[in-house]
């Protein structure tokens, strides 16, 4: 009975690790977000864009994401519009990135960010 338990653990461990890595890499690969446009200005406020990016750069289990994220300006609801954002990490490292609009539908826009530049 003990040999079966050990064999089961030996088989389950790598499968669990593989599944976790696959889910984590897909989660890290998702760099798009959808937000509602503020009606009076046809933009998404830069604070909301920064919050969204900060969430993408933080891991749910290992909190090594940025201390904060700042964006230069609000994101206009026009396909191709962009803004520059900076992620500030604990060790004093700042990483810049570009956020651009990829889709506008009704009162929502979808935007993506590139990987933080070193």
PDB file of N, CA and C in Angstrom:
ATOM      1  N   UNK A   1       0.818  -1.185   0.000  1.00  0.00           N
ATOM      2  CA  UNK A   1       0.000   0.000   0.000  1.00  0.00           C
ATOM      3  C   UNK A   1       0.872   1.262   0.000  1.00  0.00           C
ATOM      4  N   UNK A   2       1.936   1.222   0.794  1.00  0.00           N
ATOM      5  CA  UNK A   2       2.830   2.376   0.874  1.00  0.00           C
ATOM      6  C   UNK A   2       3.500   2.645  -0.468  1.00  0.00           C
ATOM      7  N   UNK A   3       3.864   1.593  -1.216  1.00  0.00           N
ATOM      8  CA  UNK A   3       4.493   1.761  -2.525  1.00  0.00           C
ATOM      9  C   UNK A   3       3.526   2.429  -3.503  1.00  0.00           C
ATOM     10  N   UNK A   4       2.240   2.103  -3.408  1.00  0.00           N
ATOM     11  CA  UNK A   4       1.245   2.724  -4.284  1.00  0.00           C
ATOM     12  C   UNK A   4       1.112   4.221  -3.984  1.00  0.00           C
ATOM     13  N   UNK A   5       1.146   4.562  -2.708  1.00  0.00           N
ATOM     14  CA  UNK A   5       1.042   5.963  -2.309  1.00  0.00           C
ATOM     15  C   UNK A   5       2.249   6.758  -2.827  1.00  0.00           C
ATOM     16  N   UNK A   6       3.430   6.198  -2.681  1.00  0.00           N
ATOM     17  CA  UNK A   6       4.657   6.857  -3.165  1.00  0.00           C
ATOM     18  C   UNK A   6       4.613   6.993  -4.678  1.00  0.00           C
ATOM     19  N   UNK A   7       4.181   5.946  -5.368  1.00  0.00           N
ATOM     20  CA  UNK A   7       4.090   6.000  -6.835  1.00  0.00           C
ATOM     21  C   UNK A   7       3.068   7.048  -7.272  1.00  0.00           C
ATOM     22  N   UNK A   8       1.958   7.128  -6.567  1.00  0.00           N
ATOM     23  CA  UNK A   8       0.934   8.128  -6.888  1.00  0.00           C
ATOM     24  C   UNK A   8       1.457   9.538  -6.713  1.00  0.00           C
ATOM     25  N   UNK A   9       2.183   9.770  -5.634  1.00  0.00           N
ATOM     26  CA  UNK A   9       2.776  11.087  -5.411  1.00  0.00           C
ATOM     27  C   UNK A   9       3.829  11.409  -6.457  1.00  0.00           C
ATOM     28  N   UNK A  10       4.601  10.404  -6.843  1.00  0.00           N
ATOM     29  CA  UNK A  10       5.640  10.610  -7.857  1.00  0.00           C
ATOM     30  C   UNK A  10       5.029  10.994  -9.198  1.00  0.00           C
ATOM     31  N   UNK A  11       3.859  10.464  -9.508  1.00  0.00           N
ATOM     32  CA  UNK A  11       3.191  10.795 -10.770  1.00  0.00           C
ATOM     33  C   UNK A  11       2.412  12.108 -10.678  1.00  0.00           C
ATOM     34  N   UNK A  12       1.816  12.370  -9.532  1.00  0.00           N
ATOM     35  CA  UNK A  12       0.985  13.565  -9.373  1.00  0.00           C
ATOM     36  C   UNK A  12       1.824  14.840  -9.292  1.00  0.00           C
ATOM     37  N   UNK A  13       2.986  14.774  -8.673  1.00  0.00           N
ATOM     38  CA  UNK A  13       3.830  15.965  -8.508  1.00  0.00           C
ATOM     39  C   UNK A  13       4.193  16.637  -9.819  1.00  0.00           C
ATOM     40  N   UNK A  14       4.792  15.901 -10.780  1.00  0.00           N
ATOM     41  CA  UNK A  14       5.139  16.530 -12.056  1.00  0.00           C
ATOM     42  C   UNK A  14       3.914  17.026 -12.829  1.00  0.00           C
ATOM     43  N   UNK A  15       2.805  16.299 -12.751  1.00  0.00           N
ATOM     44  CA  UNK A  15       1.591  16.736 -13.450  1.00  0.00           C
ATOM     45  C   UNK A  15       1.083  18.044 -12.867  1.00  0.00           C
ATOM     46  N   UNK A  16       1.101  18.156 -11.553  1.00  0.00           N
ATOM     47  CA  UNK A  16       0.669  19.386 -10.892  1.00  0.00           C
ATOM     48  C   UNK A  16       1.591  20.545 -11.243  1.00  0.00           C
ATOM     49  N   UNK A  17       2.880  20.306 -11.247  1.00  0.00           N
ATOM     50  CA  UNK A  17       3.854  21.341 -11.594  1.00  0.00           C
ATOM     51  C   UNK A  17       3.665  21.808 -13.033  1.00  0.00           C
ATOM     52  N   UNK A  18       3.488  20.866 -13.953  1.00  0.00           N
ATOM     53  CA  UNK A  18       3.293  21.204 -15.356  1.00  0.00           C
ATOM     54  C   UNK A  18       2.033  22.035 -15.543  1.00  0.00           C
ATOM     55  N   UNK A  19       0.953  21.633 -14.891  1.00  0.00           N
ATOM     56  CA  UNK A  19      -0.297  22.395 -14.990  1.00  0.00           C
ATOM     57  C   UNK A  19      -0.161  23.788 -14.423  1.00  0.00           C
ATOM     58  N   UNK A  20       0.527  23.913 -13.296  1.00  0.00           N
ATOM     59  CA  UNK A  20       0.729  25.226 -12.683  1.00  0.00           C
ATOM     60  C   UNK A  20       1.561  26.133 -13.574  1.00  0.00           C
ATOM     61  N   UNK A  21       2.617  25.579 -14.168  1.00  0.00           N
ATOM     62  CA  UNK A  21       3.455  26.386 -15.063  1.00  0.00           C
ATOM     63  C   UNK A  21       2.690  26.825 -16.297  1.00  0.00           C
ATOM     64  N   UNK A  22       1.873  25.943 -16.851  1.00  0.00           N
ATOM     65  CA  UNK A  22       1.087  26.294 -18.036  1.00  0.00           C
ATOM     66  C   UNK A  22       0.088  27.401 -17.705  1.00  0.00           C
ATOM     67  N   UNK A  23      -0.589  27.279 -16.578  1.00  0.00           N
ATOM     68  CA  UNK A  23      -1.558  28.313 -16.186  1.00  0.00           C
ATOM     69  C   UNK A  23      -0.852  29.633 -15.911  1.00  0.00           C
ATOM     70  N   UNK A  24       0.312  29.570 -15.240  1.00  0.00           N
ATOM     71  CA  UNK A  24       1.058  30.793 -14.940  1.00  0.00           C
ATOM     72  C   UNK A  24       1.568  31.485 -16.181  1.00  0.00           C
ATOM     73  N   UNK A  25       2.058  30.719 -17.170  1.00  0.00           N
ATOM     74  CA  UNK A  25       2.568  31.348 -18.386  1.00  0.00           C
ATOM     75  C   UNK A  25       1.433  31.959 -19.198  1.00  0.00           C
ATOM     76  N   UNK A  26       0.262  31.317 -19.202  1.00  0.00           N
ATOM     77  CA  UNK A  26      -0.863  31.930 -19.902  1.00  0.00           C
ATOM     78  C   UNK A  26      -1.291  33.198 -19.181  1.00  0.00           C
ATOM     79  N   UNK A  27      -1.298  33.166 -17.842  1.00  0.00           N
ATOM     80  CA  UNK A  27      -1.695  34.337 -17.069  1.00  0.00           C
ATOM     81  C   UNK A  27      -0.730  35.497 -17.327  1.00  0.00           C
ATOM     82  N   UNK A  28       0.567  35.181 -17.368  1.00  0.00           N
ATOM     83  CA  UNK A  28       1.548  36.227 -17.638  1.00  0.00           C
ATOM     84  C   UNK A  28       1.467  36.714 -19.078  1.00  0.00           C
ATOM     85  N   UNK A  29       1.051  35.857 -19.998  1.00  0.00           N
ATOM     86  CA  UNK A  29       0.942  36.241 -21.395  1.00  0.00           C
ATOM     87  C   UNK A  29      -0.240  37.141 -21.675  1.00  0.00           C
ATOM     88  N   UNK A  30      -1.252  37.116 -20.819  1.00  0.00           N
ATOM     89  CA  UNK A  30      -2.419  37.967 -21.000  1.00  0.00           C
ATOM     90  C   UNK A  30      -2.054  39.392 -20.629  1.00  0.00           C
ATOM     91  N   UNK A  31      -1.990  40.226 -21.607  1.00  0.00           N
ATOM     92  CA  UNK A  31      -1.608  41.620 -21.357  1.00  0.00           C
ATOM     93  C   UNK A  31      -2.692  42.583 -21.814  1.00  0.00           C
ATOM     94  N   UNK A  32      -3.903  42.076 -22.010  1.00  0.00           N
ATOM     95  CA  UNK A  32      -4.951  42.979 -22.456  1.00  0.00           C
ATOM     96  C   UNK A  32      -5.952  43.226 -21.343  1.00  0.00           C
ATOM     97  N   UNK A  33      -6.613  44.360 -21.412  1.00  0.00           N
ATOM     98  CA  UNK A  33      -7.625  44.737 -20.434  1.00  0.00           C
ATOM     99  C   UNK A  33      -8.719  45.494 -21.168  1.00  0.00           C
ATOM    100  N   UNK A  34      -9.916  45.432 -20.633  1.00  0.00           N
ATOM    101  CA  UNK A  34     -11.039  46.173 -21.193  1.00  0.00           C
ATOM    102  C   UNK A  34     -11.586  47.083 -20.114  1.00  0.00           C
ATOM    103  N   UNK A  35     -11.812  48.337 -20.463  1.00  0.00           N
ATOM    104  CA  UNK A  35     -12.331  49.316 -19.518  1.00  0.00           C
ATOM    105  C   UNK A  35     -13.435  50.127 -20.174  1.00  0.00           C
ATOM    106  N   UNK A  36     -14.303  50.661 -19.332  1.00  0.00           N
ATOM    107  CA  UNK A  36     -15.345  51.550 -19.830  1.00  0.00           C
ATOM    108  C   UNK A  36     -14.765  52.940 -20.047  1.00  0.00           C
ATOM    109  N   UNK A  37     -15.245  53.565 -21.106  1.00  0.00           N
ATOM    110  CA  UNK A  37     -14.784  54.903 -21.459  1.00  0.00           C
ATOM    111  C   UNK A  37     -15.579  55.920 -20.662  1.00  0.00           C
ATOM    112  N   UNK A  38     -14.876  56.933 -20.166  1.00  0.00           N
ATOM    113  CA  UNK A  38     -15.537  58.035 -19.474  1.00  0.00           C
ATOM    114  C   UNK A  38     -16.251  58.869 -20.533  1.00  0.00           C
ATOM    115  N   UNK A  39     -17.556  58.995 -20.418  1.00  0.00           N
ATOM    116  CA  UNK A  39     -18.381  59.611 -21.449  1.00  0.00           C
ATOM    117  C   UNK A  39     -18.040  61.043 -21.804  1.00  0.00           C
ATOM    118  N   UNK A  40     -17.681  61.846 -20.844  1.00  0.00           N
ATOM    119  CA  UNK A  40     -17.463  63.265 -21.123  1.00  0.00           C
ATOM    120  C   UNK A  40     -16.186  63.530 -21.905  1.00  0.00           C
ATOM    121  N   UNK A  41     -15.190  62.647 -21.767  1.00  0.00           N
ATOM    122  CA  UNK A  41     -13.909  62.898 -22.428  1.00  0.00           C
ATOM    123  C   UNK A  41     -13.526  61.825 -23.441  1.00  0.00           C
ATOM    124  N   UNK A  42     -14.303  60.731 -23.542  1.00  0.00           N
ATOM    125  CA  UNK A  42     -13.967  59.598 -24.419  1.00  0.00           C
ATOM    126  C   UNK A  42     -12.574  59.057 -24.130  1.00  0.00           C
ATOM    127  N   UNK A  43     -12.263  58.911 -22.835  1.00  0.00           N
ATOM    128  CA  UNK A  43     -10.967  58.361 -22.420  1.00  0.00           C
ATOM    129  C   UNK A  43     -11.167  57.395 -21.260  1.00  0.00           C
ATOM    130  N   UNK A  44     -10.136  56.614 -21.004  1.00  0.00           N
ATOM    131  CA  UNK A  44     -10.044  55.830 -19.768  1.00  0.00           C
ATOM    132  C   UNK A  44      -9.015  56.553 -18.909  1.00  0.00           C
ATOM    133  N   UNK A  45      -9.371  56.882 -17.678  1.00  0.00           N
ATOM    134  CA  UNK A  45      -8.436  57.627 -16.822  1.00  0.00           C
ATOM    135  C   UNK A  45      -7.111  56.885 -16.637  1.00  0.00           C
ATOM    136  N   UNK A  46      -6.034  57.645 -16.608  1.00  0.00           N
ATOM    137  CA  UNK A  46      -4.705  57.046 -16.493  1.00  0.00           C
ATOM    138  C   UNK A  46      -4.548  56.241 -15.208  1.00  0.00           C
ATOM    139  N   UNK A  47      -5.237  56.622 -14.129  1.00  0.00           N
ATOM    140  CA  UNK A  47      -5.166  55.845 -12.886  1.00  0.00           C
ATOM    141  C   UNK A  47      -5.762  54.454 -13.061  1.00  0.00           C
ATOM    142  N   UNK A  48      -6.850  54.338 -13.826  1.00  0.00           N
ATOM    143  CA  UNK A  48      -7.456  53.032 -14.075  1.00  0.00           C
ATOM    144  C   UNK A  48      -6.546  52.167 -14.947  1.00  0.00           C
ATOM    145  N   UNK A  49      -5.930  52.779 -15.953  1.00  0.00           N
ATOM    146  CA  UNK A  49      -4.985  52.045 -16.806  1.00  0.00           C
ATOM    147  C   UNK A  49      -3.813  51.550 -15.957  1.00  0.00           C
ATOM    148  N   UNK A  50      -3.293  52.393 -15.085  1.00  0.00           N
ATOM    149  CA  UNK A  50      -2.166  52.017 -14.218  1.00  0.00           C
ATOM    150  C   UNK A  50      -2.546  50.873 -13.287  1.00  0.00           C
ATOM    151  N   UNK A  51      -3.749  50.918 -12.705  1.00  0.00           N
ATOM    152  CA  UNK A  51      -4.211  49.851 -11.817  1.00  0.00           C
ATOM    153  C   UNK A  51      -4.297  48.519 -12.555  1.00  0.00           C
ATOM    154  N   UNK A  52      -4.813  48.571 -13.772  1.00  0.00           N
ATOM    155  CA  UNK A  52      -4.945  47.360 -14.581  1.00  0.00           C
ATOM    156  C   UNK A  52      -3.577  46.758 -14.892  1.00  0.00           C
ATOM    157  N   UNK A  53      -2.636  47.590 -15.287  1.00  0.00           N
ATOM    158  CA  UNK A  53      -1.288  47.117 -15.611  1.00  0.00           C
ATOM    159  C   UNK A  53      -0.606  46.558 -14.372  1.00  0.00           C
ATOM    160  N   UNK A  54      -0.758  47.217 -13.248  1.00  0.00           N
ATOM    161  CA  UNK A  54      -0.157  46.740 -12.009  1.00  0.00           C
ATOM    162  C   UNK A  54      -0.664  45.339 -11.679  1.00  0.00           C
ATOM    163  N   UNK A  55      -1.941  45.097 -11.898  1.00  0.00           N
ATOM    164  CA  UNK A  55      -2.503  43.770 -11.672  1.00  0.00           C
ATOM    165  C   UNK A  55      -1.925  42.727 -12.609  1.00  0.00           C
ATOM    166  N   UNK A  56      -1.659  43.108 -13.857  1.00  0.00           N
ATOM    167  CA  UNK A  56      -1.068  42.169 -14.819  1.00  0.00           C
ATOM    168  C   UNK A  56       0.369  41.827 -14.468  1.00  0.00           C
ATOM    169  N   UNK A  57       1.081  42.758 -13.868  1.00  0.00           N
ATOM    170  CA  UNK A  57       2.501  42.547 -13.571  1.00  0.00           C
ATOM    171  C   UNK A  57       2.742  41.885 -12.223  1.00  0.00           C
ATOM    172  N   UNK A  58       1.683  41.633 -11.455  1.00  0.00           N
ATOM    173  CA  UNK A  58       1.801  40.991 -10.149  1.00  0.00           C
ATOM    174  C   UNK A  58       1.326  39.552 -10.248  1.00  0.00           C
ATOM    175  N   UNK A  59       2.074  38.654  -9.639  1.00  0.00           N
ATOM    176  CA  UNK A  59       1.666  37.259  -9.593  1.00  0.00           C
ATOM    177  C   UNK A  59       0.715  37.046  -8.424  1.00  0.00           C
ATOM    178  N   UNK A  60      -0.296  36.193  -8.596  1.00  0.00           N
ATOM    179  CA  UNK A  60      -1.248  35.996  -7.502  1.00  0.00           C
ATOM    180  C   UNK A  60      -0.643  35.321  -6.268  1.00  0.00           C
ATOM    181  N   UNK A  61       0.376  34.498  -6.437  1.00  0.00           N
ATOM    182  CA  UNK A  61       0.952  33.762  -5.311  1.00  0.00           C
ATOM    183  C   UNK A  61       2.230  34.423  -4.809  1.00  0.00           C
ATOM    184  N   UNK A  62       3.033  34.954  -5.718  1.00  0.00           N
ATOM    185  CA  UNK A  62       4.308  35.565  -5.355  1.00  0.00           C
ATOM    186  C   UNK A  62       4.204  37.066  -5.617  1.00  0.00           C
ATOM    187  N   UNK A  63       4.106  37.881  -4.577  1.00  0.00           N
ATOM    188  CA  UNK A  63       3.919  39.316  -4.765  1.00  0.00           C
ATOM    189  C   UNK A  63       5.202  40.036  -5.169  1.00  0.00           C
ATOM    190  N   UNK A  64       5.630  39.858  -6.405  1.00  0.00           N
ATOM    191  CA  UNK A  64       6.843  40.520  -6.876  1.00  0.00           C
ATOM    192  C   UNK A  64       6.521  41.571  -7.928  1.00  0.00           C
ATOM    193  N   UNK A  65       5.292  42.005  -7.945  1.00  0.00           N
ATOM    194  CA  UNK A  65       4.886  43.001  -8.907  1.00  0.00           C
ATOM    195  C   UNK A  65       5.421  44.367  -8.534  1.00  0.00           C
ATOM    196  N   UNK A  66       5.061  45.358  -9.310  1.00  0.00           N
ATOM    197  CA  UNK A  66       5.558  46.705  -9.039  1.00  0.00           C
ATOM    198  C   UNK A  66       4.934  47.299  -7.779  1.00  0.00           C
ATOM    199  N   UNK A  67       5.670  48.188  -7.160  1.00  0.00           N
ATOM    200  CA  UNK A  67       5.186  48.935  -5.997  1.00  0.00           C
ATOM    201  C   UNK A  67       4.068  49.862  -6.437  1.00  0.00           C
ATOM    202  N   UNK A  68       4.245  50.438  -7.622  1.00  0.00           N
ATOM    203  CA  UNK A  68       3.216  51.311  -8.199  1.00  0.00           C
ATOM    204  C   UNK A  68       3.454  51.420  -9.701  1.00  0.00           C
ATOM    205  N   UNK A  69       2.433  51.901 -10.402  1.00  0.00           N
ATOM    206  CA  UNK A  69       2.526  52.158 -11.838  1.00  0.00           C
ATOM    207  C   UNK A  69       1.939  53.540 -12.090  1.00  0.00           C
ATOM    208  N   UNK A  70       2.628  54.331 -12.890  1.00  0.00           N
ATOM    209  CA  UNK A  70       2.153  55.660 -13.281  1.00  0.00           C
ATOM    210  C   UNK A  70       2.036  55.707 -14.793  1.00  0.00           C
ATOM    211  N   UNK A  71       0.978  56.338 -15.282  1.00  0.00           N
ATOM    212  CA  UNK A  71       0.819  56.537 -16.727  1.00  0.00           C
ATOM    213  C   UNK A  71       0.825  58.028 -17.032  1.00  0.00           C
ATOM    214  N   UNK A  72       1.390  58.376 -18.181  1.00  0.00           N
ATOM    215  CA  UNK A  72       1.597  59.784 -18.535  1.00  0.00           C
ATOM    216  C   UNK A  72       0.291  60.539 -18.769  1.00  0.00           C
ATOM    217  N   UNK A  73      -0.693  59.872 -19.393  1.00  0.00           N
ATOM    218  CA  UNK A  73      -1.955  60.564 -19.691  1.00  0.00           C
ATOM    219  C   UNK A  73      -3.083  59.552 -19.809  1.00  0.00           C
ATOM    220  N   UNK A  74      -4.315  60.064 -19.851  1.00  0.00           N
ATOM    221  CA  UNK A  74      -5.484  59.212 -20.054  1.00  0.00           C
ATOM    222  C   UNK A  74      -5.378  58.545 -21.419  1.00  0.00           C
ATOM    223  N   UNK A  75      -6.044  57.404 -21.572  1.00  0.00           N
ATOM    224  CA  UNK A  75      -6.001  56.646 -22.815  1.00  0.00           C
ATOM    225  C   UNK A  75      -7.243  56.967 -23.637  1.00  0.00           C
ATOM    226  N   UNK A  76      -7.044  57.542 -24.822  1.00  0.00           N
ATOM    227  CA  UNK A  76      -8.162  57.941 -25.681  1.00  0.00           C
ATOM    228  C   UNK A  76      -8.832  56.724 -26.308  1.00  0.00           C
ATOM    229  N   UNK A  77     -10.121  56.825 -26.543  1.00  0.00           N
ATOM    230  CA  UNK A  77     -10.913  55.732 -27.127  1.00  0.00           C
ATOM    231  C   UNK A  77     -10.813  55.753 -28.646  1.00  0.00           C
ATOM    232  N   UNK A  78      -9.596  55.603 -29.155  1.00  0.00           N
ATOM    233  CA  UNK A  78      -9.319  55.577 -30.592  1.00  0.00           C
ATOM    234  C   UNK A  78      -8.348  54.433 -30.840  1.00  0.00           C
ATOM    235  N   UNK A  79      -8.687  53.534 -31.754  1.00  0.00           N
ATOM    236  CA  UNK A  79      -7.790  52.421 -32.041  1.00  0.00           C
ATOM    237  C   UNK A  79      -6.421  52.969 -32.453  1.00  0.00           C
ATOM    238  N   UNK A  80      -5.376  52.439 -31.824  1.00  0.00           N
ATOM    239  CA  UNK A  80      -4.015  52.894 -32.100  1.00  0.00           C
ATOM    240  C   UNK A  80      -3.522  53.968 -31.140  1.00  0.00           C
ATOM    241  N   UNK A  81      -4.422  54.566 -30.350  1.00  0.00           N
ATOM    242  CA  UNK A  81      -3.990  55.570 -29.374  1.00  0.00           C
ATOM    243  C   UNK A  81      -3.098  54.889 -28.339  1.00  0.00           C
ATOM    244  N   UNK A  82      -2.170  55.629 -27.756  1.00  0.00           N
ATOM    245  CA  UNK A  82      -1.239  55.027 -26.815  1.00  0.00           C
ATOM    246  C   UNK A  82      -0.866  56.014 -25.720  1.00  0.00           C
ATOM    247  N   UNK A  83      -0.301  55.468 -24.664  1.00  0.00           N
ATOM    248  CA  UNK A  83       0.276  56.264 -23.595  1.00  0.00           C
ATOM    249  C   UNK A  83       1.482  55.519 -23.056  1.00  0.00           C
ATOM    250  N   UNK A  84       2.361  56.224 -22.425  1.00  0.00           N
ATOM    251  CA  UNK A  84       3.555  55.616 -21.823  1.00  0.00           C
ATOM    252  C   UNK A  84       3.311  55.468 -20.324  1.00  0.00           C
ATOM    253  N   UNK A  85       3.653  54.292 -19.780  1.00  0.00           N
ATOM    254  CA  UNK A  85       3.513  54.035 -18.344  1.00  0.00           C
ATOM    255  C   UNK A  85       4.850  53.567 -17.784  1.00  0.00           C
ATOM    256  N   UNK A  86       5.035  53.777 -16.491  1.00  0.00           N
ATOM    257  CA  UNK A  86       6.251  53.355 -15.808  1.00  0.00           C
ATOM    258  C   UNK A  86       5.883  52.543 -14.581  1.00  0.00           C
ATOM    259  N   UNK A  87       6.473  51.349 -14.466  1.00  0.00           N
ATOM    260  CA  UNK A  87       6.297  50.493 -13.294  1.00  0.00           C
ATOM    261  C   UNK A  87       7.470  50.750 -12.352  1.00  0.00           C
ATOM    262  N   UNK A  88       7.156  51.015 -11.084  1.00  0.00           N
ATOM    263  CA  UNK A  88       8.177  51.294 -10.068  1.00  0.00           C
ATOM    264  C   UNK A  88       8.270  50.086  -9.141  1.00  0.00           C
ATOM    265  N   UNK A  89       9.439  49.436  -9.106  1.00  0.00           N
ATOM    266  CA  UNK A  89       9.644  48.239  -8.292  1.00  0.00           C
ATOM    267  C   UNK A  89      10.344  48.585  -6.988  1.00  0.00           C
ATOM    268  N   UNK A  90      10.282  47.670  -6.025  1.00  0.00           N
ATOM    269  CA  UNK A  90      10.814  47.907  -4.681  1.00  0.00           C
ATOM    270  C   UNK A  90      12.297  48.231  -4.649  1.00  0.00           C
ATOM    271  N   UNK A  91      13.065  47.639  -5.506  1.00  0.00           N
ATOM    272  CA  UNK A  91      14.513  47.852  -5.464  1.00  0.00           C
ATOM    273  C   UNK A  91      14.948  49.138  -6.160  1.00  0.00           C
ATOM    274  N   UNK A  92      14.004  50.025  -6.388  1.00  0.00           N
ATOM    275  CA  UNK A  92      14.332  51.290  -7.022  1.00  0.00           C
ATOM    276  C   UNK A  92      14.436  51.220  -8.531  1.00  0.00           C
ATOM    277  N   UNK A  93      14.010  50.111  -9.106  1.00  0.00           N
ATOM    278  CA  UNK A  93      14.067  49.925 -10.551  1.00  0.00           C
ATOM    279  C   UNK A  93      12.780  50.441 -11.181  1.00  0.00           C
ATOM    280  N   UNK A  94      12.898  51.249 -12.191  1.00  0.00           N
ATOM    281  CA  UNK A  94      11.745  51.718 -12.947  1.00  0.00           C
ATOM    282  C   UNK A  94      11.790  51.099 -14.331  1.00  0.00           C
ATOM    283  N   UNK A  95      10.643  50.618 -14.788  1.00  0.00           N
ATOM    284  CA  UNK A  95      10.556  50.006 -16.112  1.00  0.00           C
ATOM    285  C   UNK A  95       9.435  50.675 -16.888  1.00  0.00           C
ATOM    286  N   UNK A  96       9.757  51.160 -18.077  1.00  0.00           N
ATOM    287  CA  UNK A  96       8.762  51.806 -18.918  1.00  0.00           C
ATOM    288  C   UNK A  96       8.078  50.823 -19.843  1.00  0.00           C
ATOM    289  N   UNK A  97       6.885  51.164 -20.286  1.00  0.00           N
ATOM    290  CA  UNK A  97       6.157  50.335 -21.243  1.00  0.00           C
ATOM    291  C   UNK A  97       5.154  51.210 -21.987  1.00  0.00           C
ATOM    292  N   UNK A  98       4.741  50.718 -23.133  1.00  0.00           N
ATOM    293  CA  UNK A  98       3.745  51.417 -23.938  1.00  0.00           C
ATOM    294  C   UNK A  98       2.421  50.676 -23.847  1.00  0.00           C
ATOM    295  N   UNK A  99       1.346  51.415 -23.649  1.00  0.00           N
ATOM    296  CA  UNK A  99      -0.006  50.861 -23.617  1.00  0.00           C
ATOM    297  C   UNK A  99      -0.725  51.422 -24.828  1.00  0.00           C
ATOM    298  N   UNK A 100      -1.347  50.521 -25.630  1.00  0.00           N
ATOM    299  CA  UNK A 100      -2.041  51.011 -26.823  1.00  0.00           C
ATOM    300  C   UNK A 100      -3.412  50.373 -26.950  1.00  0.00           C
ATOM    301  N   UNK A 101      -4.315  51.107 -27.551  1.00  0.00           N
ATOM    302  CA  UNK A 101      -5.693  50.654 -27.760  1.00  0.00           C
ATOM    303  C   UNK A 101      -5.728  49.741 -28.979  1.00  0.00           C
ATOM    304  N   UNK A 102      -6.331  48.561 -28.807  1.00  0.00           N
ATOM    305  CA  UNK A 102      -6.432  47.620 -29.916  1.00  0.00           C
ATOM    306  C   UNK A 102      -7.869  47.446 -30.415  1.00  0.00           C
ATOM    307  N   UNK A 103      -8.858  47.851 -29.588  1.00  0.00           N
ATOM    308  CA  UNK A 103     -10.246  47.717 -30.037  1.00  0.00           C
ATOM    309  C   UNK A 103     -11.124  48.713 -29.293  1.00  0.00           C
ATOM    310  N   UNK A 104     -12.063  49.287 -30.029  1.00  0.00           N
ATOM    311  CA  UNK A 104     -13.054  50.182 -29.445  1.00  0.00           C
ATOM    312  C   UNK A 104     -14.421  49.642 -29.835  1.00  0.00           C
ATOM    313  N   UNK A 105     -15.261  49.351 -28.834  1.00  0.00           N
ATOM    314  CA  UNK A 105     -16.617  48.860 -29.079  1.00  0.00           C
ATOM    315  C   UNK A 105     -17.568  49.563 -28.147  1.00  0.00           C
ATOM    316  N   UNK A 106     -18.440  50.363 -28.722  1.00  0.00           N
ATOM    317  CA  UNK A 106     -19.402  51.079 -27.890  1.00  0.00           C
ATOM    318  C   UNK A 106     -18.702  51.919 -26.847  1.00  0.00           C
ATOM    319  N   UNK A 107     -19.041  51.678 -25.585  1.00  0.00           N
ATOM    320  CA  UNK A 107     -18.445  52.438 -24.489  1.00  0.00           C
ATOM    321  C   UNK A 107     -17.272  51.750 -23.842  1.00  0.00           C
ATOM    322  N   UNK A 108     -16.666  50.764 -24.527  1.00  0.00           N
ATOM    323  CA  UNK A 108     -15.521  50.046 -23.962  1.00  0.00           C
ATOM    324  C   UNK A 108     -14.341  50.057 -24.922  1.00  0.00           C
ATOM    325  N   UNK A 109     -13.155  50.074 -24.335  1.00  0.00           N
ATOM    326  CA  UNK A 109     -11.945  49.905 -25.144  1.00  0.00           C
ATOM    327  C   UNK A 109     -11.133  48.756 -24.581  1.00  0.00           C
ATOM    328  N   UNK A 110     -10.431  48.082 -25.464  1.00  0.00           N
ATOM    329  CA  UNK A 110      -9.491  47.036 -25.068  1.00  0.00           C
ATOM    330  C   UNK A 110      -8.099  47.550 -25.390  1.00  0.00           C
ATOM    331  N   UNK A 111      -7.214  47.441 -24.425  1.00  0.00           N
ATOM    332  CA  UNK A 111      -5.853  47.930 -24.612  1.00  0.00           C
ATOM    333  C   UNK A 111      -4.867  46.879 -24.142  1.00  0.00           C
ATOM    334  N   UNK A 112      -3.666  46.932 -24.684  1.00  0.00           N
ATOM    335  CA  UNK A 112      -2.598  46.000 -24.332  1.00  0.00           C
ATOM    336  C   UNK A 112      -1.359  46.789 -23.940  1.00  0.00           C
ATOM    337  N   UNK A 113      -0.498  46.131 -23.166  1.00  0.00           N
ATOM    338  CA  UNK A 113       0.792  46.755 -22.843  1.00  0.00           C
ATOM    339  C   UNK A 113       1.892  45.797 -23.255  1.00  0.00           C
ATOM    340  N   UNK A 114       3.021  46.358 -23.647  1.00  0.00           N
ATOM    341  CA  UNK A 114       4.160  45.521 -23.964  1.00  0.00           C
ATOM    342  C   UNK A 114       4.884  45.145 -22.679  1.00  0.00           C
ATOM    343  N   UNK A 115       5.867  44.296 -22.773  1.00  0.00           N
ATOM    344  CA  UNK A 115       6.637  43.911 -21.586  1.00  0.00           C
ATOM    345  C   UNK A 115       7.406  45.124 -21.093  1.00  0.00           C
ATOM    346  N   UNK A 116       7.559  45.237 -19.771  1.00  0.00           N
ATOM    347  CA  UNK A 116       8.325  46.374 -19.242  1.00  0.00           C
ATOM    348  C   UNK A 116       9.742  46.407 -19.798  1.00  0.00           C
ATOM    349  N   UNK A 117      10.166  47.574 -20.268  1.00  0.00           N
ATOM    350  CA  UNK A 117      11.519  47.749 -20.828  1.00  0.00           C
ATOM    351  C   UNK A 117      12.508  47.861 -19.688  1.00  0.00           C
ATOM    352  N   UNK A 118      13.655  47.250 -19.854  1.00  0.00           N
ATOM    353  CA  UNK A 118      14.717  47.359 -18.835  1.00  0.00           C
ATOM    354  C   UNK A 118      15.541  48.579 -19.047  1.00  0.00           C
TER     355      UNK A 118
END
